[in-house]
């Protein structure tokens, strides 16, 4: 069964389609929204069971900053 995956301008997988991704794109969006609404990194990290530094990196766009610019099929 073929699946669409998001890739960057170099053709590399990004976001939840990356082979090492542990969080979905929706979870990343929710993490950023919760922080914008005033929730602390620590509380968000506990909620998602991830490191506080990971939450901080997501919120400051050091991680999961790339958006898919193209789609390709796999499988």
Protein backbone atom coordinates (compact mmCIF):
# COMPACT_ATOMS: atom_id res chain seq x y z
CA UNK A 1 0.00 0.00 0.00
CA UNK A 2 1.43 3.37 -0.99
CA UNK A 3 1.69 6.19 1.52
CA UNK A 4 2.34 9.90 1.00
CA UNK A 5 5.28 11.28 2.98
CA UNK A 6 6.34 14.89 3.41
CA UNK A 7 9.82 15.88 2.25
CA UNK A 8 11.89 19.07 2.33
CA UNK A 9 13.44 20.82 -0.67
CA UNK A 10 16.29 18.26 -0.71
CA UNK A 11 13.87 15.32 -0.78
CA UNK A 12 14.52 14.25 2.82
CA UNK A 13 11.68 13.18 5.11
CA UNK A 14 10.47 15.77 7.61
CA UNK A 15 8.01 15.92 10.49
CA UNK A 16 6.14 12.82 11.56
CA UNK A 17 7.23 11.08 8.35
CA UNK A 18 10.89 11.18 9.43
CA UNK A 19 12.06 7.72 10.41
CA UNK A 20 13.18 8.85 13.90
CA UNK A 21 10.14 11.01 14.74
CA UNK A 22 8.61 10.24 18.12
CA UNK A 23 5.85 12.86 18.05
CA UNK A 24 3.14 13.42 15.47
CA UNK A 25 2.81 16.77 13.72
CA UNK A 26 -0.42 17.33 15.67
CA UNK A 27 1.39 16.76 18.99
CA UNK A 28 4.09 19.27 18.01
CA UNK A 29 1.43 21.85 17.14
CA UNK A 30 -0.31 21.20 20.46
CA UNK A 31 2.96 21.60 22.39
CA UNK A 32 3.55 24.99 20.75
CA UNK A 33 -0.05 26.07 21.40
CA UNK A 34 0.07 25.04 25.07
CA UNK A 35 3.27 27.03 25.58
CA UNK A 36 1.78 30.07 23.80
CA UNK A 37 -1.18 29.80 26.19
CA UNK A 38 1.19 30.03 29.17
CA UNK A 39 1.90 26.42 30.15
CA UNK A 40 5.47 25.85 31.35
CA UNK A 41 7.99 23.63 29.58
CA UNK A 42 8.08 21.33 32.63
CA UNK A 43 4.32 20.75 32.71
CA UNK A 44 4.18 20.13 28.95
CA UNK A 45 7.12 17.71 29.19
CA UNK A 46 5.38 15.74 31.93
CA UNK A 47 2.14 15.64 29.91
CA UNK A 48 3.86 14.24 26.80
CA UNK A 49 6.45 12.19 28.72
CA UNK A 50 9.40 13.84 26.98
CA UNK A 51 12.38 15.86 28.19
CA UNK A 52 11.89 19.51 29.13
CA UNK A 53 14.73 20.44 26.75
CA UNK A 54 12.86 18.74 23.89
CA UNK A 55 9.78 20.85 24.62
CA UNK A 56 11.93 23.99 24.69
CA UNK A 57 13.60 23.05 21.39
CA UNK A 58 10.19 22.46 19.77
CA UNK A 59 8.79 25.77 21.05
CA UNK A 60 11.83 27.75 19.90
CA UNK A 61 11.85 25.97 16.51
CA UNK A 62 15.24 24.31 17.05
CA UNK A 63 13.46 20.99 16.47
CA UNK A 64 10.65 20.20 14.07
CA UNK A 65 11.14 23.52 12.29
CA UNK A 66 10.96 22.26 8.71
CA UNK A 67 7.70 22.01 6.83
CA UNK A 68 7.04 19.60 3.99
CA UNK A 69 7.43 21.39 0.66
CA UNK A 70 6.70 18.35 -1.50
CA UNK A 71 5.06 14.97 -1.14
CA UNK A 72 6.24 11.63 -2.46
CA UNK A 73 4.89 8.11 -2.31
CA UNK A 74 6.54 5.18 -0.59
CA UNK A 75 5.74 1.52 -0.32
